[in-house]
């Protein structure tokens, strides 16, 4: 695919550390062909966070998030774990967010009180470091928003990742100081398309949540960062605007949030 000049994107959320290293060059080549300029790899455990950071050292497009996922919140964050997370974030220049954190109330999820402590502690870490928060919420929106407000998480802001909520949920996330992140569900869920029409582009970023998907019959159907472009084109069509406008606004939103300085290779000039 030939990339149009000036049309470049960021992927706000992936789990590419879950791939074998032999897969990464091909994933990055396909991403570059689709115009993906930078990719955030989100940690889900301390070890996963370390792996994400190692990837940033090996591949220029990667940036890392430090975090413990709510489905991995099996014990409270004590002083030792906090110190390790803090060190990982402070000592690596390509750590740009606290991610993936949040709450998850599925039946198989860890104890809700432990999740609450882990989430709040990581919000406080984000605030102490001045890093944005990219959060997960599944069957837990009311408690997530209450926690964000109680902890004043809007002071650092961030992203509600892999957004699949309704319009009131989107507006509440925005009121809390967060972007909503659109991914491939946008292309198949009519109610989510209605949300995308109603919410200003200025309040959106894009992502893929890419991770290995062996349950899909064909490897070429696995979601990868290259699919950000597909989501962007769908969003442009819904809103009746150009792909260039979607690229410019969503990439600026994400780059500014993460404290990245876009280069001419990334973005159109204003």
Protein backbone atom coordinates (compact mmCIF):
# COMPACT_ATOMS: atom_id res chain seq x y z
CA UNK A 1 0.00 0.00 0.00
CA UNK A 2 1.28 3.44 -0.85
CA UNK A 3 0.82 5.87 2.04
CA UNK A 4 -0.58 9.30 1.20
CA UNK A 5 1.72 12.11 2.29
CA UNK A 6 0.75 13.58 5.64
CA UNK A 7 -1.78 10.88 6.60
CA UNK A 8 -0.30 9.29 9.70
CA UNK A 9 -1.76 7.82 12.84
CA UNK A 10 -0.99 6.70 16.38
CA UNK A 11 -2.25 3.49 17.98
CA UNK A 12 -3.14 4.34 21.58
CA UNK A 13 -3.28 0.78 22.91
CA UNK A 14 -1.80 -2.60 21.98
CA UNK A 15 -0.50 -5.76 23.63
CA UNK A 16 2.21 -6.55 21.12
CA UNK A 17 4.47 -7.85 23.89
CA UNK A 18 2.32 -10.99 23.70
CA UNK A 19 3.68 -11.77 20.24
CA UNK A 20 6.89 -13.65 19.60
CA UNK A 21 9.79 -11.41 18.58
CA UNK A 22 9.84 -12.98 15.11
CA UNK A 23 6.39 -11.47 14.43
CA UNK A 24 7.23 -7.86 15.28
CA UNK A 25 9.15 -6.78 12.14
CA UNK A 26 6.27 -7.86 9.90
CA UNK A 27 3.70 -6.17 12.13
CA UNK A 28 5.73 -2.97 12.05
CA UNK A 29 6.21 -3.13 8.27
CA UNK A 30 2.47 -3.49 7.74
CA UNK A 31 1.82 -0.68 10.21
CA UNK A 32 4.22 1.64 8.40
CA UNK A 33 2.55 0.89 5.07
CA UNK A 34 -0.78 1.92 6.62
CA UNK A 35 0.68 5.16 7.96
CA UNK A 36 0.99 4.27 11.65
CA UNK A 37 3.66 6.53 13.11
CA UNK A 38 3.74 5.41 16.75
CA UNK A 39 2.30 2.59 18.84
CA UNK A 40 1.71 2.31 22.59
CA UNK A 41 2.36 -1.11 24.17
CA UNK A 42 0.38 -1.41 27.40
CA UNK A 43 1.65 -3.36 30.39
CA UNK A 44 -0.73 -5.71 32.18
CA UNK A 45 1.62 -6.98 34.90
CA UNK A 46 5.02 -5.91 36.17
CA UNK A 47 6.68 -8.47 33.91
CA UNK A 48 4.55 -7.47 30.92
CA UNK A 49 5.47 -3.86 31.57
CA UNK A 50 9.15 -4.79 31.48
CA UNK A 51 8.59 -6.56 28.16
CA UNK A 52 6.84 -3.51 26.70
CA UNK A 53 9.73 -1.30 27.75
CA UNK A 54 12.25 -3.68 26.17
CA UNK A 55 10.30 -3.43 22.91
CA UNK A 56 10.60 0.37 22.97
CA UNK A 57 14.37 -0.02 23.15
CA UNK A 58 14.41 -2.32 20.13
CA UNK A 59 11.88 -0.60 17.84
CA UNK A 60 11.60 3.16 17.36
CA UNK A 61 7.80 3.35 16.81
CA UNK A 62 7.03 1.78 20.20
CA UNK A 63 6.19 3.60 23.43
CA UNK A 64 5.22 1.89 26.67
CA UNK A 65 2.56 2.03 29.35
CA UNK A 66 3.27 0.92 32.92
CA UNK A 67 0.42 -0.84 34.66
CA UNK A 68 -1.36 -3.77 36.26
CA UNK A 69 -4.57 -4.77 34.49
CA UNK A 70 -7.66 -5.26 36.68
CA UNK A 71 -7.84 -8.91 35.62
CA UNK A 72 -4.32 -9.27 37.04
CA UNK A 73 -5.16 -7.46 40.30
CA UNK A 74 -4.84 -10.55 42.48
CA UNK A 75 -3.13 -8.74 45.35
CA UNK A 76 -2.94 -5.13 46.58
CA UNK A 77 -0.16 -2.89 45.34
CA UNK A 78 2.15 -2.75 48.36
CA UNK A 79 5.17 -0.49 48.83
CA UNK A 80 7.46 -2.89 46.98
CA UNK A 81 5.23 -3.23 43.91
CA UNK A 82 4.58 0.51 43.88
CA UNK A 83 8.31 1.21 43.99
CA UNK A 84 8.89 -1.17 41.08
CA UNK A 85 6.17 0.41 38.96
CA UNK A 86 7.46 3.87 39.82
CA UNK A 87 11.02 2.91 38.90
CA UNK A 88 9.97 1.41 35.59
CA UNK A 89 8.09 4.60 34.71
CA UNK A 90 10.70 7.08 35.92
CA UNK A 91 13.77 5.39 34.48
CA UNK A 92 12.60 4.85 30.91
CA UNK A 93 12.15 7.83 28.62
CA UNK A 94 9.69 6.02 26.34
CA UNK A 95 7.18 5.31 29.09
CA UNK A 96 4.36 7.73 28.25
CA UNK A 97 1.35 6.59 30.30
CA UNK A 98 0.01 4.45 33.11
CA UNK A 99 -1.73 1.62 31.25
CA UNK A 100 -3.54 -0.73 31.36
CA UNK A 101 -5.39 -0.03 34.59
CA UNK A 102 -9.04 0.15 35.64
CA UNK A 103 -11.87 -2.04 36.90
CA UNK A 104 -13.45 -5.21 35.55
CA UNK A 105 -16.61 -6.70 37.04
CA UNK A 106 -17.00 -9.85 34.96
CA UNK A 107 -17.86 -12.96 37.02
CA UNK A 108 -14.31 -14.28 36.66
CA UNK A 109 -12.69 -11.00 37.73
CA UNK A 110 -10.56 -10.61 40.88
CA UNK A 111 -12.00 -9.30 44.14
CA UNK A 112 -13.50 -5.86 43.60
CA UNK A 113 -11.94 -4.35 46.72
CA UNK A 114 -8.49 -5.45 45.61
CA UNK A 115 -9.14 -4.05 42.14
CA UNK A 116 -10.20 -0.76 43.70
CA UNK A 117 -6.98 -0.48 45.72
CA UNK A 118 -4.83 -1.37 42.70
CA UNK A 119 -6.64 1.14 40.47
CA UNK A 120 -6.51 3.98 42.99
CA UNK A 121 -2.85 3.37 43.75
CA UNK A 122 -1.96 3.48 40.07
CA UNK A 123 -3.96 6.69 39.58
CA UNK A 124 -1.92 8.21 42.39
CA UNK A 125 1.26 6.98 40.72
CA UNK A 126 0.16 8.62 37.47
CA UNK A 127 -0.50 11.90 39.24
CA UNK A 128 2.84 11.81 41.04
CA UNK A 129 4.65 11.30 37.73
CA UNK A 130 2.47 13.59 35.62
CA UNK A 131 1.55 10.75 33.25
CA UNK A 132 -1.86 10.22 31.62
CA UNK A 133 -4.00 7.18 32.46
CA UNK A 134 -5.32 4.75 29.87
CA UNK A 135 -8.06 2.80 31.57
CA UNK A 136 -10.17 -0.32 31.12
CA UNK A 137 -13.80 -0.53 32.24
CA UNK A 138 -15.99 -3.59 31.79
CA UNK A 139 -19.35 -3.81 33.57
CA UNK A 140 -17.90 -1.21 35.96
CA UNK A 141 -18.49 2.24 34.49
CA UNK A 142 -20.22 3.78 37.51
CA UNK A 143 -17.43 2.79 39.89
CA UNK A 144 -14.72 3.73 37.40
CA UNK A 145 -16.06 7.25 36.95
CA UNK A 146 -16.62 7.68 40.68
CA UNK A 147 -13.02 6.62 41.33
CA UNK A 148 -11.63 8.91 38.65
CA UNK A 149 -13.47 11.85 40.19
CA UNK A 150 -12.56 11.00 43.79
CA UNK A 151 -8.90 10.65 42.85
CA UNK A 152 -8.91 13.79 40.65
CA UNK A 153 -7.58 11.72 37.76
CA UNK A 154 -8.65 14.43 35.33
CA UNK A 155 -5.63 16.44 36.46
CA UNK A 156 -3.51 14.17 34.26
CA UNK A 157 -6.28 13.00 31.91
CA UNK A 158 -6.00 10.07 29.58
CA UNK A 159 -8.10 7.67 27.56
CA UNK A 160 -11.07 5.35 28.06
CA UNK A 161 -9.68 2.50 26.03
CA UNK A 162 -11.52 0.32 23.48
CA UNK A 163 -14.67 2.36 23.90
CA UNK A 164 -17.93 0.44 23.41
CA UNK A 165 -20.29 2.46 25.60
CA UNK A 166 -23.31 4.61 24.79
CA UNK A 167 -23.38 8.37 24.31
CA UNK A 168 -23.98 9.24 28.00
CA UNK A 169 -20.98 7.07 28.93
CA UNK A 170 -18.84 8.83 26.34
CA UNK A 171 -19.86 12.24 27.62
CA UNK A 172 -19.16 11.24 31.22
CA UNK A 173 -15.68 10.07 30.26
CA UNK A 174 -15.08 13.40 28.53
CA UNK A 175 -16.39 15.32 31.55
CA UNK A 176 -13.89 13.41 33.70
CA UNK A 177 -11.09 14.72 31.47
CA UNK A 178 -10.58 11.72 29.18
CA UNK A 179 -10.64 10.94 25.48
CA UNK A 180 -12.64 8.00 24.17
CA UNK A 181 -10.68 5.55 22.05
CA UNK A 182 -12.33 4.06 18.99
CA UNK A 183 -11.26 0.66 17.67
CA UNK A 184 -12.57 -1.98 15.25
CA UNK A 185 -15.92 -2.45 17.07
CA UNK A 186 -16.85 0.89 15.47
CA UNK A 187 -17.01 -0.83 12.09
CA UNK A 188 -19.66 -3.37 13.17
CA UNK A 189 -21.76 -1.87 16.01
CA UNK A 190 -24.53 0.52 14.84
CA UNK A 191 -25.07 2.00 18.31
CA UNK A 192 -21.36 2.82 18.52
CA UNK A 193 -21.54 4.47 15.12
CA UNK A 194 -24.30 6.70 16.51
CA UNK A 195 -21.98 7.66 19.38
CA UNK A 196 -19.21 8.48 16.91
CA UNK A 197 -21.53 10.78 14.99
CA UNK A 198 -22.55 12.61 18.15
CA UNK A 199 -19.16 13.04 19.86
CA UNK A 200 -16.72 15.65 18.49
CA UNK A 201 -13.57 14.33 16.86
CA UNK A 202 -11.63 16.54 19.27
CA UNK A 203 -12.57 14.09 22.03
CA UNK A 204 -11.33 10.94 20.27
CA UNK A 205 -8.20 8.92 19.73
CA UNK A 206 -7.76 5.63 17.86
CA UNK A 207 -6.42 2.22 18.84
CA UNK A 208 -6.50 -1.48 17.98
CA UNK A 209 -5.95 -3.33 21.30
CA UNK A 210 -3.89 -5.67 19.11
CA UNK A 211 -2.90 -9.02 20.59
CA UNK A 212 -2.50 -12.56 19.20
CA UNK A 213 -5.84 -13.97 18.01
CA UNK A 214 -5.37 -17.69 17.25
CA UNK A 215 -9.14 -18.18 17.55
CA UNK A 216 -9.44 -16.53 14.12
CA UNK A 217 -9.10 -18.96 11.24
CA UNK A 218 -6.64 -16.94 9.18
CA UNK A 219 -3.56 -15.10 10.44
CA UNK A 220 -4.19 -12.14 8.13
CA UNK A 221 -7.43 -11.45 9.99
CA UNK A 222 -5.70 -10.86 13.32
CA UNK A 223 -6.05 -7.27 14.48
CA UNK A 224 -2.81 -5.31 14.17
CA UNK A 225 -1.85 -1.61 14.40
CA UNK A 226 -2.36 -1.35 10.63
CA UNK A 227 -6.10 -1.53 11.29
CA UNK A 228 -6.08 1.95 12.85
CA UNK A 229 -6.32 3.23 9.29
CA UNK A 230 -9.43 1.12 8.67
CA UNK A 231 -11.07 2.52 11.81
CA UNK A 232 -10.10 6.05 10.80
CA UNK A 233 -11.60 5.66 7.33
CA UNK A 234 -14.83 4.31 8.81
CA UNK A 235 -14.96 7.23 11.25
CA UNK A 236 -14.37 9.69 8.43
CA UNK A 237 -17.22 8.18 6.42
CA UNK A 238 -19.58 8.30 9.40
CA UNK A 239 -18.81 11.94 10.06
CA UNK A 240 -18.72 12.99 6.41
CA UNK A 241 -15.17 14.34 6.66
CA UNK A 242 -11.86 13.41 5.11
CA UNK A 243 -9.44 10.75 6.24
CA UNK A 244 -6.84 13.51 6.50
CA UNK A 245 -8.95 15.37 9.06
CA UNK A 246 -9.41 12.27 11.17
CA UNK A 247 -5.69 11.53 11.01
CA UNK A 248 -4.65 15.05 11.87
CA UNK A 249 -7.00 15.50 14.83
CA UNK A 250 -6.79 12.07 16.45
CA UNK A 251 -3.01 11.86 16.08
CA UNK A 252 -2.54 15.35 17.53
CA UNK A 253 -4.85 14.41 20.40
CA UNK A 254 -2.82 11.33 21.25
CA UNK A 255 0.61 12.84 20.70
CA UNK A 256 -0.21 15.87 22.83
CA UNK A 257 -1.67 13.69 25.59
CA UNK A 258 1.44 11.50 25.71
CA UNK A 259 3.83 14.42 25.59
CA UNK A 260 5.26 13.39 22.24
CA UNK A 261 6.61 15.94 19.81
CA UNK A 262 5.26 15.07 16.38
CA UNK A 263 7.76 15.20 13.53
CA UNK A 264 7.06 16.20 9.96
CA UNK A 265 7.08 12.51 9.12
CA UNK A 266 4.18 11.93 11.53
CA UNK A 267 1.78 14.73 10.86
CA UNK A 268 0.56 17.40 8.52
CA UNK A 269 1.84 20.83 9.52
CA UNK A 270 -0.83 23.16 10.85
